[in-house]
Amino acid sequence: MDSLFKAIADVNRRKILILLHKQGTMTVSEIATHFDISLPTLSEHLRILREAKVVTARKYKQYSQYSLNHAVFEELSNWVTEFLPQI
């Protein structure tokens, strides 16, 4: 869970997650069109998200396609729910 919180601590990584949530599976090039950062910086953000298992990457020909790992968000939701008052 620590790696998840570290991964989502950065505003650009949160924007990537929102974009993937809205658009679905995307390549690095498609994601890059929504940011004013260098490709190496974007790749580093995606690496951090992958290592935290927040996104998955699948090779397709010469491209990597990124998508959300919904299981991680379900786990996070369950964890947060533990802190909500019982109504």
PDB file of N, CA and C in Angstrom:
ATOM      1  N   MET A   1       0.818  -1.187   0.000  1.00  0.00           N
ATOM      2  CA  MET A   1       0.000   0.000   0.000  1.00  0.00           C
ATOM      3  C   MET A   1       0.868   1.259   0.000  1.00  0.00           C
ATOM      4  N   ASP A   2       2.052   1.198   0.623  1.00  0.00           N
ATOM      5  CA  ASP A   2       2.936   2.361   0.659  1.00  0.00           C
ATOM      6  C   ASP A   2       3.332   2.821  -0.741  1.00  0.00           C
ATOM      7  N   SER A   3       3.637   1.863  -1.619  1.00  0.00           N
ATOM      8  CA  SER A   3       4.045   2.241  -2.977  1.00  0.00           C
ATOM      9  C   SER A   3       2.883   2.891  -3.732  1.00  0.00           C
ATOM     10  N   LEU A   4       1.662   2.479  -3.427  1.00  0.00           N
ATOM     11  CA  LEU A   4       0.485   3.093  -4.045  1.00  0.00           C
ATOM     12  C   LEU A   4       0.383   4.557  -3.630  1.00  0.00           C
ATOM     13  N   PHE A   5       0.501   4.831  -2.335  1.00  0.00           N
ATOM     14  CA  PHE A   5       0.403   6.208  -1.864  1.00  0.00           C
ATOM     15  C   PHE A   5       1.527   7.076  -2.422  1.00  0.00           C
ATOM     16  N   LYS A   6       2.726   6.527  -2.507  1.00  0.00           N
ATOM     17  CA  LYS A   6       3.834   7.282  -3.100  1.00  0.00           C
ATOM     18  C   LYS A   6       3.573   7.547  -4.576  1.00  0.00           C
ATOM     19  N   ALA A   7       3.007   6.571  -5.265  1.00  0.00           N
ATOM     20  CA  ALA A   7       2.746   6.716  -6.702  1.00  0.00           C
ATOM     21  C   ALA A   7       1.714   7.794  -6.977  1.00  0.00           C
ATOM     22  N   ILE A   8       0.693   7.882  -6.142  1.00  0.00           N
ATOM     23  CA  ILE A   8      -0.363   8.861  -6.403  1.00  0.00           C
ATOM     24  C   ILE A   8      -0.107  10.211  -5.732  1.00  0.00           C
ATOM     25  N   ALA A   9       1.033  10.356  -5.070  1.00  0.00           N
ATOM     26  CA  ALA A   9       1.363  11.615  -4.408  1.00  0.00           C
ATOM     27  C   ALA A   9       1.685  12.727  -5.411  1.00  0.00           C
ATOM     28  N   ASP A  10       2.116  12.372  -6.600  1.00  0.00           N
ATOM     29  CA  ASP A  10       2.517  13.356  -7.602  1.00  0.00           C
ATOM     30  C   ASP A  10       1.323  13.765  -8.462  1.00  0.00           C
ATOM     31  N   VAL A  11       1.169  15.061  -8.687  1.00  0.00           N
ATOM     32  CA  VAL A  11       0.028  15.576  -9.442  1.00  0.00           C
ATOM     33  C   VAL A  11       0.011  15.059 -10.889  1.00  0.00           C
ATOM     34  N   ASN A  12       1.165  14.946 -11.528  1.00  0.00           N
ATOM     35  CA  ASN A  12       1.193  14.442 -12.902  1.00  0.00           C
ATOM     36  C   ASN A  12       0.766  12.980 -12.973  1.00  0.00           C
ATOM     37  N   ARG A  13       1.156  12.190 -11.985  1.00  0.00           N
ATOM     38  CA  ARG A  13       0.740  10.790 -11.981  1.00  0.00           C
ATOM     39  C   ARG A  13      -0.766  10.670 -11.739  1.00  0.00           C
ATOM     40  N   ARG A  14      -1.306  11.540 -10.886  1.00  0.00           N
ATOM     41  CA  ARG A  14      -2.759  11.531 -10.693  1.00  0.00           C
ATOM     42  C   ARG A  14      -3.474  11.924 -11.975  1.00  0.00           C
ATOM     43  N   LYS A  15      -2.917  12.876 -12.716  1.00  0.00           N
ATOM     44  CA  LYS A  15      -3.514  13.278 -13.998  1.00  0.00           C
ATOM     45  C   LYS A  15      -3.465  12.127 -15.000  1.00  0.00           C
ATOM     46  N   ILE A  16      -2.389  11.366 -14.994  1.00  0.00           N
ATOM     47  CA  ILE A  16      -2.289  10.190 -15.871  1.00  0.00           C
ATOM     48  C   ILE A  16      -3.388   9.198 -15.518  1.00  0.00           C
ATOM     49  N   LEU A  17      -3.599   8.962 -14.232  1.00  0.00           N
ATOM     50  CA  LEU A  17      -4.631   8.023 -13.796  1.00  0.00           C
ATOM     51  C   LEU A  17      -6.024   8.493 -14.208  1.00  0.00           C
ATOM     52  N   ILE A  18      -6.291   9.771 -14.057  1.00  0.00           N
ATOM     53  CA  ILE A  18      -7.587  10.321 -14.474  1.00  0.00           C
ATOM     54  C   ILE A  18      -7.772  10.152 -15.976  1.00  0.00           C
ATOM     55  N   LEU A  19      -6.727  10.431 -16.725  1.00  0.00           N
ATOM     56  CA  LEU A  19      -6.779  10.288 -18.181  1.00  0.00           C
ATOM     57  C   LEU A  19      -7.057   8.839 -18.582  1.00  0.00           C
ATOM     58  N   LEU A  20      -6.358   7.899 -17.967  1.00  0.00           N
ATOM     59  CA  LEU A  20      -6.579   6.484 -18.277  1.00  0.00           C
ATOM     60  C   LEU A  20      -7.978   6.042 -17.854  1.00  0.00           C
ATOM     61  N   HIS A  21      -8.469   6.607 -16.775  1.00  0.00           N
ATOM     62  CA  HIS A  21      -9.826   6.284 -16.335  1.00  0.00           C
ATOM     63  C   HIS A  21     -10.848   6.744 -17.385  1.00  0.00           C
ATOM     64  N   LYS A  22     -10.641   7.931 -17.929  1.00  0.00           N
ATOM     65  CA  LYS A  22     -11.575   8.490 -18.909  1.00  0.00           C
ATOM     66  C   LYS A  22     -11.419   7.870 -20.291  1.00  0.00           C
ATOM     67  N   GLN A  23     -10.182   7.631 -20.703  1.00  0.00           N
ATOM     68  CA  GLN A  23      -9.905   7.205 -22.074  1.00  0.00           C
ATOM     69  C   GLN A  23      -9.739   5.703 -22.234  1.00  0.00           C
ATOM     70  N   GLY A  24      -9.408   5.008 -21.163  1.00  0.00           N
ATOM     71  CA  GLY A  24      -9.141   3.575 -21.269  1.00  0.00           C
ATOM     72  C   GLY A  24      -7.680   3.338 -21.618  1.00  0.00           C
ATOM     73  N   THR A  25      -7.418   2.326 -22.386  1.00  0.00           N
ATOM     74  CA  THR A  25      -6.050   1.959 -22.756  1.00  0.00           C
ATOM     75  C   THR A  25      -5.450   3.002 -23.698  1.00  0.00           C
ATOM     76  N   MET A  26      -4.200   3.396 -23.398  1.00  0.00           N
ATOM     77  CA  MET A  26      -3.514   4.415 -24.205  1.00  0.00           C
ATOM     78  C   MET A  26      -2.035   4.075 -24.321  1.00  0.00           C
ATOM     79  N   THR A  27      -1.421   4.519 -25.405  1.00  0.00           N
ATOM     80  CA  THR A  27       0.021   4.399 -25.567  1.00  0.00           C
ATOM     81  C   THR A  27       0.700   5.611 -24.930  1.00  0.00           C
ATOM     82  N   VAL A  28       2.005   5.540 -24.775  1.00  0.00           N
ATOM     83  CA  VAL A  28       2.770   6.663 -24.227  1.00  0.00           C
ATOM     84  C   VAL A  28       2.559   7.898 -25.093  1.00  0.00           C
ATOM     85  N   SER A  29       2.594   7.726 -26.400  1.00  0.00           N
ATOM     86  CA  SER A  29       2.423   8.865 -27.308  1.00  0.00           C
ATOM     87  C   SER A  29       1.065   9.522 -27.125  1.00  0.00           C
ATOM     88  N   GLU A  30       0.036   8.711 -26.946  1.00  0.00           N
ATOM     89  CA  GLU A  30      -1.304   9.259 -26.740  1.00  0.00           C
ATOM     90  C   GLU A  30      -1.387  10.002 -25.409  1.00  0.00           C
ATOM     91  N   ILE A  31      -0.773   9.448 -24.389  1.00  0.00           N
ATOM     92  CA  ILE A  31      -0.762  10.102 -23.081  1.00  0.00           C
ATOM     93  C   ILE A  31       0.020  11.412 -23.166  1.00  0.00           C
ATOM     94  N   ALA A  32       1.136  11.399 -23.869  1.00  0.00           N
ATOM     95  CA  ALA A  32       2.024  12.568 -23.956  1.00  0.00           C
ATOM     96  C   ALA A  32       1.332  13.789 -24.545  1.00  0.00           C
ATOM     97  N   THR A  33       0.354  13.575 -25.412  1.00  0.00           N
ATOM     98  CA  THR A  33      -0.333  14.726 -26.025  1.00  0.00           C
ATOM     99  C   THR A  33      -1.103  15.552 -25.002  1.00  0.00           C
ATOM    100  N   HIS A  34      -1.316  15.019 -23.824  1.00  0.00           N
ATOM    101  CA  HIS A  34      -2.077  15.711 -22.786  1.00  0.00           C
ATOM    102  C   HIS A  34      -1.188  16.390 -21.749  1.00  0.00           C
ATOM    103  N   PHE A  35       0.133  16.319 -21.947  1.00  0.00           N
ATOM    104  CA  PHE A  35       1.072  16.850 -20.962  1.00  0.00           C
ATOM    105  C   PHE A  35       2.122  17.730 -21.627  1.00  0.00           C
ATOM    106  N   ASP A  36       2.631  18.650 -20.846  1.00  0.00           N
ATOM    107  CA  ASP A  36       3.721  19.502 -21.300  1.00  0.00           C
ATOM    108  C   ASP A  36       4.992  19.114 -20.534  1.00  0.00           C
ATOM    109  N   ILE A  37       5.337  17.817 -20.624  1.00  0.00           N
ATOM    110  CA  ILE A  37       6.550  17.304 -19.994  1.00  0.00           C
ATOM    111  C   ILE A  37       7.287  16.453 -21.029  1.00  0.00           C
ATOM    112  N   SER A  38       8.558  16.226 -20.800  1.00  0.00           N
ATOM    113  CA  SER A  38       9.353  15.450 -21.750  1.00  0.00           C
ATOM    114  C   SER A  38       8.934  13.974 -21.716  1.00  0.00           C
ATOM    115  N   LEU A  39       9.212  13.276 -22.810  1.00  0.00           N
ATOM    116  CA  LEU A  39       8.906  11.840 -22.856  1.00  0.00           C
ATOM    117  C   LEU A  39       9.663  11.053 -21.794  1.00  0.00           C
ATOM    118  N   PRO A  40      10.948  11.355 -21.550  1.00  0.00           N
ATOM    119  CA  PRO A  40      11.634  10.634 -20.466  1.00  0.00           C
ATOM    120  C   PRO A  40      10.969  10.849 -19.096  1.00  0.00           C
ATOM    121  N   THR A  41      10.492  12.060 -18.834  1.00  0.00           N
ATOM    122  CA  THR A  41       9.809  12.333 -17.567  1.00  0.00           C
ATOM    123  C   THR A  41       8.493  11.572 -17.504  1.00  0.00           C
ATOM    124  N   LEU A  42       7.749  11.571 -18.606  1.00  0.00           N
ATOM    125  CA  LEU A  42       6.498  10.813 -18.655  1.00  0.00           C
ATOM    126  C   LEU A  42       6.756   9.327 -18.457  1.00  0.00           C
ATOM    127  N   SER A  43       7.788   8.815 -19.092  1.00  0.00           N
ATOM    128  CA  SER A  43       8.137   7.401 -18.941  1.00  0.00           C
ATOM    129  C   SER A  43       8.488   7.067 -17.501  1.00  0.00           C
ATOM    130  N   GLU A  44       9.154   7.983 -16.815  1.00  0.00           N
ATOM    131  CA  GLU A  44       9.487   7.770 -15.402  1.00  0.00           C
ATOM    132  C   GLU A  44       8.219   7.727 -14.553  1.00  0.00           C
ATOM    133  N   HIS A  45       7.284   8.613 -14.817  1.00  0.00           N
ATOM    134  CA  HIS A  45       6.010   8.586 -14.101  1.00  0.00           C
ATOM    135  C   HIS A  45       5.288   7.255 -14.334  1.00  0.00           C
ATOM    136  N   LEU A  46       5.267   6.799 -15.577  1.00  0.00           N
ATOM    137  CA  LEU A  46       4.611   5.536 -15.895  1.00  0.00           C
ATOM    138  C   LEU A  46       5.319   4.355 -15.242  1.00  0.00           C
ATOM    139  N   ARG A  47       6.638   4.415 -15.149  1.00  0.00           N
ATOM    140  CA  ARG A  47       7.394   3.357 -14.479  1.00  0.00           C
ATOM    141  C   ARG A  47       6.987   3.266 -13.011  1.00  0.00           C
ATOM    142  N   ILE A  48       6.890   4.407 -12.357  1.00  0.00           N
ATOM    143  CA  ILE A  48       6.509   4.438 -10.945  1.00  0.00           C
ATOM    144  C   ILE A  48       5.099   3.880 -10.767  1.00  0.00           C
ATOM    145  N   LEU A  49       4.191   4.247 -11.646  1.00  0.00           N
ATOM    146  CA  LEU A  49       2.817   3.731 -11.582  1.00  0.00           C
ATOM    147  C   LEU A  49       2.775   2.221 -11.831  1.00  0.00           C
ATOM    148  N   ARG A  50       3.603   1.750 -12.767  1.00  0.00           N
ATOM    149  CA  ARG A  50       3.675   0.300 -13.038  1.00  0.00           C
ATOM    150  C   ARG A  50       4.221  -0.446 -11.834  1.00  0.00           C
ATOM    151  N   GLU A  51       5.298   0.054 -11.251  1.00  0.00           N
ATOM    152  CA  GLU A  51       5.919  -0.620 -10.109  1.00  0.00           C
ATOM    153  C   GLU A  51       4.976  -0.673  -8.912  1.00  0.00           C
ATOM    154  N   ALA A  52       4.106   0.330  -8.791  1.00  0.00           N
ATOM    155  CA  ALA A  52       3.113   0.328  -7.721  1.00  0.00           C
ATOM    156  C   ALA A  52       1.888  -0.494  -8.102  1.00  0.00           C
ATOM    157  N   LYS A  53       1.929  -1.043  -9.307  1.00  0.00           N
ATOM    158  CA  LYS A  53       0.845  -1.878  -9.844  1.00  0.00           C
ATOM    159  C   LYS A  53      -0.474  -1.118  -9.999  1.00  0.00           C
ATOM    160  N   VAL A  54      -0.376   0.203 -10.139  1.00  0.00           N
ATOM    161  CA  VAL A  54      -1.552   1.039 -10.337  1.00  0.00           C
ATOM    162  C   VAL A  54      -1.989   0.988 -11.801  1.00  0.00           C
ATOM    163  N   VAL A  55      -1.019   0.850 -12.687  1.00  0.00           N
ATOM    164  CA  VAL A  55      -1.313   0.675 -14.106  1.00  0.00           C
ATOM    165  C   VAL A  55      -0.633  -0.599 -14.590  1.00  0.00           C
ATOM    166  N   THR A  56      -1.161  -1.124 -15.668  1.00  0.00           N
ATOM    167  CA  THR A  56      -0.531  -2.267 -16.311  1.00  0.00           C
ATOM    168  C   THR A  56      -0.070  -1.824 -17.690  1.00  0.00           C
ATOM    169  N   ALA A  57       0.967  -2.463 -18.172  1.00  0.00           N
ATOM    170  CA  ALA A  57       1.489  -2.172 -19.503  1.00  0.00           C
ATOM    171  C   ALA A  57       1.522  -3.466 -20.294  1.00  0.00           C
ATOM    172  N   ARG A  58       1.030  -3.382 -21.513  1.00  0.00           N
ATOM    173  CA  ARG A  58       1.015  -4.547 -22.384  1.00  0.00           C
ATOM    174  C   ARG A  58       1.681  -4.164 -23.692  1.00  0.00           C
ATOM    175  N   LYS A  59       2.639  -4.968 -24.104  1.00  0.00           N
ATOM    176  CA  LYS A  59       3.335  -4.718 -25.368  1.00  0.00           C
ATOM    177  C   LYS A  59       2.429  -5.082 -26.529  1.00  0.00           C
ATOM    178  N   TYR A  60       2.349  -4.182 -27.474  1.00  0.00           N
ATOM    179  CA  TYR A  60       1.610  -4.424 -28.706  1.00  0.00           C
ATOM    180  C   TYR A  60       2.456  -3.885 -29.836  1.00  0.00           C
ATOM    181  N   LYS A  61       3.039  -4.808 -30.625  1.00  0.00           N
ATOM    182  CA  LYS A  61       4.004  -4.446 -31.666  1.00  0.00           C
ATOM    183  C   LYS A  61       5.134  -3.673 -31.011  1.00  0.00           C
ATOM    184  N   GLN A  62       5.412  -2.448 -31.460  1.00  0.00           N
ATOM    185  CA  GLN A  62       6.525  -1.693 -30.872  1.00  0.00           C
ATOM    186  C   GLN A  62       6.063  -0.740 -29.766  1.00  0.00           C
ATOM    187  N   TYR A  63       4.782  -0.785 -29.418  1.00  0.00           N
ATOM    188  CA  TYR A  63       4.226   0.124 -28.427  1.00  0.00           C
ATOM    189  C   TYR A  63       3.876  -0.605 -27.136  1.00  0.00           C
ATOM    190  N   SER A  64       3.855   0.175 -26.061  1.00  0.00           N
ATOM    191  CA  SER A  64       3.293  -0.312 -24.805  1.00  0.00           C
ATOM    192  C   SER A  64       1.959   0.388 -24.618  1.00  0.00           C
ATOM    193  N   GLN A  65       0.955  -0.392 -24.265  1.00  0.00           N
ATOM    194  CA  GLN A  65      -0.365   0.163 -24.007  1.00  0.00           C
ATOM    195  C   GLN A  65      -0.611   0.117 -22.505  1.00  0.00           C
ATOM    196  N   TYR A  66      -1.007   1.252 -21.964  1.00  0.00           N
ATOM    197  CA  TYR A  66      -1.209   1.380 -20.524  1.00  0.00           C
ATOM    198  C   TYR A  66      -2.688   1.422 -20.201  1.00  0.00           C
ATOM    199  N   SER A  67      -3.041   0.811 -19.085  1.00  0.00           N
ATOM    200  CA  SER A  67      -4.410   0.864 -18.598  1.00  0.00           C
ATOM    201  C   SER A  67      -4.389   0.766 -17.075  1.00  0.00           C
ATOM    202  N   LEU A  68      -5.490   1.169 -16.470  1.00  0.00           N
ATOM    203  CA  LEU A  68      -5.601   1.101 -15.014  1.00  0.00           C
ATOM    204  C   LEU A  68      -5.698  -0.338 -14.542  1.00  0.00           C
ATOM    205  N   ASN A  69      -5.133  -0.596 -13.388  1.00  0.00           N
ATOM    206  CA  ASN A  69      -5.305  -1.873 -12.718  1.00  0.00           C
ATOM    207  C   ASN A  69      -6.413  -1.667 -11.684  1.00  0.00           C
ATOM    208  N   HIS A  70      -7.628  -1.990 -12.057  1.00  0.00           N
ATOM    209  CA  HIS A  70      -8.786  -1.711 -11.207  1.00  0.00           C
ATOM    210  C   HIS A  70      -8.740  -2.458  -9.873  1.00  0.00           C
ATOM    211  N   ALA A  71      -8.069  -3.581  -9.826  1.00  0.00           N
ATOM    212  CA  ALA A  71      -7.988  -4.356  -8.586  1.00  0.00           C
ATOM    213  C   ALA A  71      -7.309  -3.550  -7.476  1.00  0.00           C
ATOM    214  N   VAL A  72      -6.318  -2.751  -7.826  1.00  0.00           N
ATOM    215  CA  VAL A  72      -5.628  -1.928  -6.831  1.00  0.00           C
ATOM    216  C   VAL A  72      -6.579  -0.886  -6.262  1.00  0.00           C
ATOM    217  N   PHE A  73      -7.420  -0.315  -7.114  1.00  0.00           N
ATOM    218  CA  PHE A  73      -8.363   0.696  -6.640  1.00  0.00           C
ATOM    219  C   PHE A  73      -9.467   0.085  -5.788  1.00  0.00           C
ATOM    220  N   GLU A  74      -9.841  -1.144  -6.083  1.00  0.00           N
ATOM    221  CA  GLU A  74     -10.805  -1.852  -5.242  1.00  0.00           C
ATOM    222  C   GLU A  74     -10.208  -2.101  -3.860  1.00  0.00           C
ATOM    223  N   GLU A  75      -8.946  -2.506  -3.831  1.00  0.00           N
ATOM    224  CA  GLU A  75      -8.255  -2.726  -2.561  1.00  0.00           C
ATOM    225  C   GLU A  75      -8.169  -1.426  -1.766  1.00  0.00           C
ATOM    226  N   LEU A  76      -7.839  -0.335  -2.438  1.00  0.00           N
ATOM    227  CA  LEU A  76      -7.766   0.970  -1.781  1.00  0.00           C
ATOM    228  C   LEU A  76      -9.135   1.384  -1.249  1.00  0.00           C
ATOM    229  N   SER A  77     -10.167   1.176  -2.039  1.00  0.00           N
ATOM    230  CA  SER A  77     -11.526   1.510  -1.625  1.00  0.00           C
ATOM    231  C   SER A  77     -11.923   0.725  -0.384  1.00  0.00           C
ATOM    232  N   ASN A  78     -11.605  -0.547  -0.359  1.00  0.00           N
ATOM    233  CA  ASN A  78     -11.918  -1.381   0.812  1.00  0.00           C
ATOM    234  C   ASN A  78     -11.170  -0.895   2.047  1.00  0.00           C
ATOM    235  N   TRP A  79      -9.925  -0.494   1.862  1.00  0.00           N
ATOM    236  CA  TRP A  79      -9.120   0.002   2.972  1.00  0.00           C
ATOM    237  C   TRP A  79      -9.712   1.300   3.522  1.00  0.00           C
ATOM    238  N   VAL A  80     -10.071   2.228   2.636  1.00  0.00           N
ATOM    239  CA  VAL A  80     -10.635   3.503   3.052  1.00  0.00           C
ATOM    240  C   VAL A  80     -11.979   3.304   3.743  1.00  0.00           C
ATOM    241  N   THR A  81     -12.754   2.367   3.242  1.00  0.00           N
ATOM    242  CA  THR A  81     -14.081   2.095   3.807  1.00  0.00           C
ATOM    243  C   THR A  81     -13.991   1.698   5.275  1.00  0.00           C
ATOM    244  N   GLU A  82     -12.909   1.065   5.667  1.00  0.00           N
ATOM    245  CA  GLU A  82     -12.737   0.665   7.063  1.00  0.00           C
ATOM    246  C   GLU A  82     -12.769   1.858   8.006  1.00  0.00           C
ATOM    247  N   PHE A  83     -12.419   3.039   7.497  1.00  0.00           N
ATOM    248  CA  PHE A  83     -12.334   4.231   8.339  1.00  0.00           C
ATOM    249  C   PHE A  83     -13.629   5.034   8.364  1.00  0.00           C
ATOM    250  N   LEU A  84     -14.578   4.676   7.541  1.00  0.00           N
ATOM    251  CA  LEU A  84     -15.843   5.395   7.501  1.00  0.00           C
ATOM    252  C   LEU A  84     -16.745   4.956   8.637  1.00  0.00           C
ATOM    253  N   PRO A  85     -17.494   5.880   9.196  1.00  0.00           N
ATOM    254  CA  PRO A  85     -18.403   5.496  10.282  1.00  0.00           C
ATOM    255  C   PRO A  85     -19.509   4.587   9.754  1.00  0.00           C
ATOM    256  N   GLN A  86     -19.916   3.668  10.575  1.00  0.00           N
ATOM    257  CA  GLN A  86     -21.006   2.764  10.228  1.00  0.00           C
ATOM    258  C   GLN A  86     -22.332   3.490  10.398  1.00  0.00           C
ATOM    259  N   ILE A  87     -23.121   3.502   9.363  1.00  0.00           N
ATOM    260  CA  ILE A  87     -24.401   4.204   9.413  1.00  0.00           C
ATOM    261  C   ILE A  87     -25.530   3.184   9.444  1.00  0.00           C
TER     262      ILE A  87
END
